[in-house]
PDB file of N, CA and C in Angstrom:
ATOM      1  N   MET A   1      60.271  74.867  69.177  1.00  0.00           N
ATOM      2  CA  MET A   1      58.882  75.374  69.272  1.00  0.00           C
ATOM      3  C   MET A   1      58.546  75.492  70.758  1.00  0.00           C
ATOM      4  N   ALA A   2      57.898  76.600  71.083  1.00  0.00           N
ATOM      5  CA  ALA A   2      57.517  76.872  72.440  1.00  0.00           C
ATOM      6  C   ALA A   2      56.290  76.041  72.876  1.00  0.00           C
ATOM      7  N   ALA A   3      56.272  75.640  74.063  1.00  0.00           N
ATOM      8  CA  ALA A   3      55.147  74.877  74.653  1.00  0.00           C
ATOM      9  C   ALA A   3      54.021  75.808  74.945  1.00  0.00           C
ATOM     10  N   TYR A   4      52.815  75.334  74.771  1.00  0.00           N
ATOM     11  CA  TYR A   4      51.613  76.113  74.999  1.00  0.00           C
ATOM     12  C   TYR A   4      51.430  76.278  76.511  1.00  0.00           C
ATOM     13  N   VAL A   5      51.069  77.487  76.977  1.00  0.00           N
ATOM     14  CA  VAL A   5      50.731  77.772  78.369  1.00  0.00           C
ATOM     15  C   VAL A   5      49.277  78.178  78.456  1.00  0.00           C
ATOM     16  N   SER A   6      48.451  77.435  79.085  1.00  0.00           N
ATOM     17  CA  SER A   6      47.055  77.724  79.163  1.00  0.00           C
ATOM     18  C   SER A   6      46.810  78.901  80.126  1.00  0.00           C
ATOM     19  N   GLN A   7      45.598  79.480  80.013  1.00  0.00           N
ATOM     20  CA  GLN A   7      45.240  80.595  80.891  1.00  0.00           C
ATOM     21  C   GLN A   7      45.200  80.108  82.388  1.00  0.00           C
ATOM     22  N   ALA A   8      44.755  78.851  82.552  1.00  0.00           N
ATOM     23  CA  ALA A   8      44.733  78.325  83.930  1.00  0.00           C
ATOM     24  C   ALA A   8      46.167  78.198  84.463  1.00  0.00           C
ATOM     25  N   GLU A   9      47.034  77.739  83.634  1.00  0.00           N
ATOM     26  CA  GLU A   9      48.479  77.612  84.082  1.00  0.00           C
ATOM     27  C   GLU A   9      49.100  78.952  84.364  1.00  0.00           C
ATOM     28  N   LYS A  10      48.746  79.964  83.591  1.00  0.00           N
ATOM     29  CA  LYS A  10      49.239  81.307  83.845  1.00  0.00           C
ATOM     30  C   LYS A  10      48.774  81.770  85.225  1.00  0.00           C
ATOM     31  N   GLU A  11      47.500  81.486  85.527  1.00  0.00           N
ATOM     32  CA  GLU A  11      46.975  81.892  86.844  1.00  0.00           C
ATOM     33  C   GLU A  11      47.666  81.129  87.956  1.00  0.00           C
ATOM     34  N   LEU A  12      47.904  79.834  87.740  1.00  0.00           N
ATOM     35  CA  LEU A  12      48.606  79.044  88.743  1.00  0.00           C
ATOM     36  C   LEU A  12      50.003  79.563  88.929  1.00  0.00           C
ATOM     37  N   MET A  13      50.693  79.910  87.831  1.00  0.00           N
ATOM     38  CA  MET A  13      52.024  80.482  87.950  1.00  0.00           C
ATOM     39  C   MET A  13      51.986  81.725  88.814  1.00  0.00           C
ATOM     40  N   TRP A  14      51.012  82.603  88.626  1.00  0.00           N
ATOM     41  CA  TRP A  14      50.949  83.861  89.362  1.00  0.00           C
ATOM     42  C   TRP A  14      50.664  83.571  90.840  1.00  0.00           C
ATOM     43  N   LYS A  15      49.764  82.606  91.122  1.00  0.00           N
ATOM     44  CA  LYS A  15      49.447  82.259  92.503  1.00  0.00           C
ATOM     45  C   LYS A  15      50.685  81.671  93.234  1.00  0.00           C
ATOM     46  N   LEU A  16      51.358  80.804  92.536  1.00  0.00           N
ATOM     47  CA  LEU A  16      52.603  80.227  93.120  1.00  0.00           C
ATOM     48  C   LEU A  16      53.669  81.274  93.281  1.00  0.00           C
ATOM     49  N   TYR A  17      53.769  82.241  92.361  1.00  0.00           N
ATOM     50  CA  TYR A  17      54.740  83.312  92.509  1.00  0.00           C
ATOM     51  C   TYR A  17      54.404  84.167  93.729  1.00  0.00           C
ATOM     52  N   GLN A  18      53.120  84.417  93.994  1.00  0.00           N
ATOM     53  CA  GLN A  18      52.727  85.153  95.225  1.00  0.00           C
ATOM     54  C   GLN A  18      53.157  84.354  96.494  1.00  0.00           C
ATOM     55  N   LYS A  19      53.092  83.029  96.400  1.00  0.00           N
ATOM     56  CA  LYS A  19      53.435  82.201  97.560  1.00  0.00           C
ATOM     57  C   LYS A  19      54.926  82.053  97.795  1.00  0.00           C
ATOM     58  N   TYR A  20      55.652  81.747  96.677  1.00  0.00           N
ATOM     59  CA  TYR A  20      57.109  81.483  96.837  1.00  0.00           C
ATOM     60  C   TYR A  20      58.023  82.659  96.542  1.00  0.00           C
ATOM     61  N   GLY A  21      57.532  83.649  95.786  1.00  0.00           N
ATOM     62  CA  GLY A  21      58.284  84.854  95.610  1.00  0.00           C
ATOM     63  C   GLY A  21      59.417  84.867  94.605  1.00  0.00           C
ATOM     64  N   THR A  22      59.723  83.763  93.966  1.00  0.00           N
ATOM     65  CA  THR A  22      60.741  83.697  92.926  1.00  0.00           C
ATOM     66  C   THR A  22      60.251  82.900  91.735  1.00  0.00           C
ATOM     67  N   TYR A  23      60.727  83.334  90.561  1.00  0.00           N
ATOM     68  CA  TYR A  23      60.322  82.638  89.321  1.00  0.00           C
ATOM     69  C   TYR A  23      60.946  81.226  89.309  1.00  0.00           C
ATOM     70  N   LYS A  24      62.142  81.104  89.845  1.00  0.00           N
ATOM     71  CA  LYS A  24      62.800  79.831  89.836  1.00  0.00           C
ATOM     72  C   LYS A  24      62.074  78.807  90.665  1.00  0.00           C
ATOM     73  N   ALA A  25      61.586  79.206  91.825  1.00  0.00           N
ATOM     74  CA  ALA A  25      60.831  78.241  92.645  1.00  0.00           C
ATOM     75  C   ALA A  25      59.564  77.814  91.955  1.00  0.00           C
ATOM     76  N   VAL A  26      58.876  78.707  91.304  1.00  0.00           N
ATOM     77  CA  VAL A  26      57.680  78.332  90.527  1.00  0.00           C
ATOM     78  C   VAL A  26      58.038  77.416  89.368  1.00  0.00           C
ATOM     79  N   ALA A  27      59.085  77.786  88.634  1.00  0.00           N
ATOM     80  CA  ALA A  27      59.531  76.989  87.491  1.00  0.00           C
ATOM     81  C   ALA A  27      59.877  75.565  87.951  1.00  0.00           C
ATOM     82  N   ASP A  28      60.519  75.463  89.102  1.00  0.00           N
ATOM     83  CA  ASP A  28      60.878  74.084  89.591  1.00  0.00           C
ATOM     84  C   ASP A  28      59.609  73.282  89.930  1.00  0.00           C
ATOM     85  N   LYS A  29      58.588  73.976  90.515  1.00  0.00           N
ATOM     86  CA  LYS A  29      57.392  73.254  90.864  1.00  0.00           C
ATOM     87  C   LYS A  29      56.623  72.783  89.615  1.00  0.00           C
ATOM     88  N   LEU A  30      56.624  73.624  88.573  1.00  0.00           N
ATOM     89  CA  LEU A  30      55.827  73.304  87.357  1.00  0.00           C
ATOM     90  C   LEU A  30      56.679  72.701  86.268  1.00  0.00           C
ATOM     91  N   ASN A  31      57.920  72.436  86.484  1.00  0.00           N
ATOM     92  CA  ASN A  31      58.813  71.911  85.471  1.00  0.00           C
ATOM     93  C   ASN A  31      58.841  72.797  84.224  1.00  0.00           C
ATOM     94  N   ARG A  32      58.982  74.064  84.450  1.00  0.00           N
ATOM     95  CA  ARG A  32      59.025  75.100  83.349  1.00  0.00           C
ATOM     96  C   ARG A  32      60.330  75.850  83.440  1.00  0.00           C
ATOM     97  N   ASN A  33      60.668  76.593  82.415  1.00  0.00           N
ATOM     98  CA  ASN A  33      61.809  77.503  82.441  1.00  0.00           C
ATOM     99  C   ASN A  33      61.459  78.731  83.209  1.00  0.00           C
ATOM    100  N   PRO A  34      62.393  79.217  84.075  1.00  0.00           N
ATOM    101  CA  PRO A  34      62.129  80.475  84.791  1.00  0.00           C
ATOM    102  C   PRO A  34      61.732  81.671  83.887  1.00  0.00           C
ATOM    103  N   GLY A  35      62.348  81.731  82.737  1.00  0.00           N
ATOM    104  CA  GLY A  35      61.984  82.809  81.767  1.00  0.00           C
ATOM    105  C   GLY A  35      60.539  82.710  81.327  1.00  0.00           C
ATOM    106  N   THR A  36      60.061  81.497  81.092  1.00  0.00           N
ATOM    107  CA  THR A  36      58.697  81.304  80.739  1.00  0.00           C
ATOM    108  C   THR A  36      57.761  81.748  81.859  1.00  0.00           C
ATOM    109  N   VAL A  37      58.091  81.319  83.056  1.00  0.00           N
ATOM    110  CA  VAL A  37      57.271  81.684  84.222  1.00  0.00           C
ATOM    111  C   VAL A  37      57.296  83.246  84.389  1.00  0.00           C
ATOM    112  N   SER A  38      58.435  83.843  84.262  1.00  0.00           N
ATOM    113  CA  SER A  38      58.549  85.306  84.415  1.00  0.00           C
ATOM    114  C   SER A  38      57.669  86.034  83.396  1.00  0.00           C
ATOM    115  N   ARG A  39      57.730  85.624  82.150  1.00  0.00           N
ATOM    116  CA  ARG A  39      56.939  86.246  81.095  1.00  0.00           C
ATOM    117  C   ARG A  39      55.467  86.150  81.341  1.00  0.00           C
ATOM    118  N   HIS A  40      55.002  84.968  81.764  1.00  0.00           N
ATOM    119  CA  HIS A  40      53.552  84.775  81.934  1.00  0.00           C
ATOM    120  C   HIS A  40      53.095  85.388  83.279  1.00  0.00           C
ATOM    121  N   VAL A  41      53.869  85.431  84.302  1.00  0.00           N
ATOM    122  CA  VAL A  41      53.506  86.069  85.548  1.00  0.00           C
ATOM    123  C   VAL A  41      53.311  87.587  85.334  1.00  0.00           C
ATOM    124  N   ARG A  42      54.299  88.183  84.603  1.00  0.00           N
ATOM    125  CA  ARG A  42      54.197  89.614  84.310  1.00  0.00           C
ATOM    126  C   ARG A  42      53.016  89.913  83.406  1.00  0.00           C
ATOM    127  N   GLU A  43      52.729  89.037  82.464  1.00  0.00           N
ATOM    128  CA  GLU A  43      51.586  89.250  81.584  1.00  0.00           C
ATOM    129  C   GLU A  43      50.254  89.167  82.391  1.00  0.00           C
ATOM    130  N   TYR A  44      50.187  88.178  83.314  1.00  0.00           N
ATOM    131  CA  TYR A  44      48.954  88.027  84.082  1.00  0.00           C
ATOM    132  C   TYR A  44      48.795  89.214  85.032  1.00  0.00           C
ATOM    133  N   GLU A  45      49.895  89.656  85.658  1.00  0.00           N
ATOM    134  CA  GLU A  45      49.799  90.838  86.512  1.00  0.00           C
ATOM    135  C   GLU A  45      49.309  92.094  85.783  1.00  0.00           C
ATOM    136  N   ALA A  46      49.811  92.240  84.582  1.00  0.00           N
ATOM    137  CA  ALA A  46      49.418  93.364  83.740  1.00  0.00           C
ATOM    138  C   ALA A  46      47.926  93.311  83.458  1.00  0.00           C
ATOM    139  N   ALA A  47      47.428  92.132  83.152  1.00  0.00           N
ATOM    140  CA  ALA A  47      46.039  91.952  82.860  1.00  0.00           C
ATOM    141  C   ALA A  47      45.163  92.256  84.075  1.00  0.00           C
ATOM    142  N   VAL A  48      45.583  91.783  85.245  1.00  0.00           N
ATOM    143  CA  VAL A  48      44.845  91.961  86.488  1.00  0.00           C
ATOM    144  C   VAL A  48      44.833  93.475  86.790  1.00  0.00           C
ATOM    145  N   SER A  49      45.968  94.117  86.628  1.00  0.00           N
ATOM    146  CA  SER A  49      46.099  95.532  86.933  1.00  0.00           C
ATOM    147  C   SER A  49      45.212  96.320  85.976  1.00  0.00           C
ATOM    148  N   ALA A  50      45.208  96.011  84.699  1.00  0.00           N
ATOM    149  CA  ALA A  50      44.387  96.774  83.742  1.00  0.00           C
ATOM    150  C   ALA A  50      42.899  96.587  84.080  1.00  0.00           C
ATOM    151  N   ALA A  51      42.514  95.370  84.436  1.00  0.00           N
ATOM    152  CA  ALA A  51      41.087  95.115  84.768  1.00  0.00           C
ATOM    153  C   ALA A  51      40.652  95.913  86.018  1.00  0.00           C
ATOM    154  N   GLY A  52      41.531  95.936  87.007  1.00  0.00           N
ATOM    155  CA  GLY A  52      41.287  96.720  88.231  1.00  0.00           C
ATOM    156  C   GLY A  52      41.171  98.170  87.919  1.00  0.00           C
ATOM    157  N   TYR A  53      42.020  98.686  87.067  1.00  0.00           N
ATOM    158  CA  TYR A  53      41.966 100.102  86.669  1.00  0.00           C
ATOM    159  C   TYR A  53      40.673 100.435  86.011  1.00  0.00           C
ATOM    160  N   ILE A  54      40.282  99.600  85.079  1.00  0.00           N
ATOM    161  CA  ILE A  54      39.008  99.849  84.343  1.00  0.00           C
ATOM    162  C   ILE A  54      37.785  99.765  85.302  1.00  0.00           C
ATOM    163  N   LEU A  55      37.800  98.778  86.162  1.00  0.00           N
ATOM    164  CA  LEU A  55      36.704  98.711  87.158  1.00  0.00           C
ATOM    165  C   LEU A  55      36.638  99.892  88.097  1.00  0.00           C
ATOM    166  N   ASN A  56      37.777 100.374  88.504  1.00  0.00           N
ATOM    167  CA  ASN A  56      37.803 101.534  89.379  1.00  0.00           C
ATOM    168  C   ASN A  56      37.336 102.807  88.693  1.00  0.00           C
ATOM    169  N   GLN A  57      37.561 102.930  87.366  1.00  0.00           N
ATOM    170  CA  GLN A  57      37.158 104.081  86.641  1.00  0.00           C
ATOM    171  C   GLN A  57      35.622 104.126  86.447  1.00  0.00           C
ATOM    172  N   LYS A  58      34.978 102.998  86.390  1.00  0.00           N
ATOM    173  CA  LYS A  58      33.516 102.949  86.228  1.00  0.00           C
ATOM    174  C   LYS A  58      32.818 103.455  87.457  1.00  0.00           C
ATOM    175  N   ASP A  59      33.437 103.323  88.619  1.00  0.00           N
ATOM    176  CA  ASP A  59      32.857 103.757  89.888  1.00  0.00           C
ATOM    177  C   ASP A  59      32.807 105.257  90.039  1.00  0.00           C
ATOM    178  N   ARG A  60      33.547 105.957  89.230  1.00  0.00           N
ATOM    179  CA  ARG A  60      33.634 107.445  89.385  1.00  0.00           C
ATOM    180  C   ARG A  60      32.523 108.134  88.684  1.00  0.00           C
TER     181      ARG A  60
END
């Protein structure tokens, strides 16, 4: 069974990824699997990107 990853932890994973640059470094810091970190960092980036796209469209 997969462990639950909260929204706050996803954001933390993303911030740490911005700082350290590798999924493995983040996984080591949070005691998580690098695959789990990778999946959630990419998911968070997609959500941020989509939100930015929508906000930029409203300005036009």
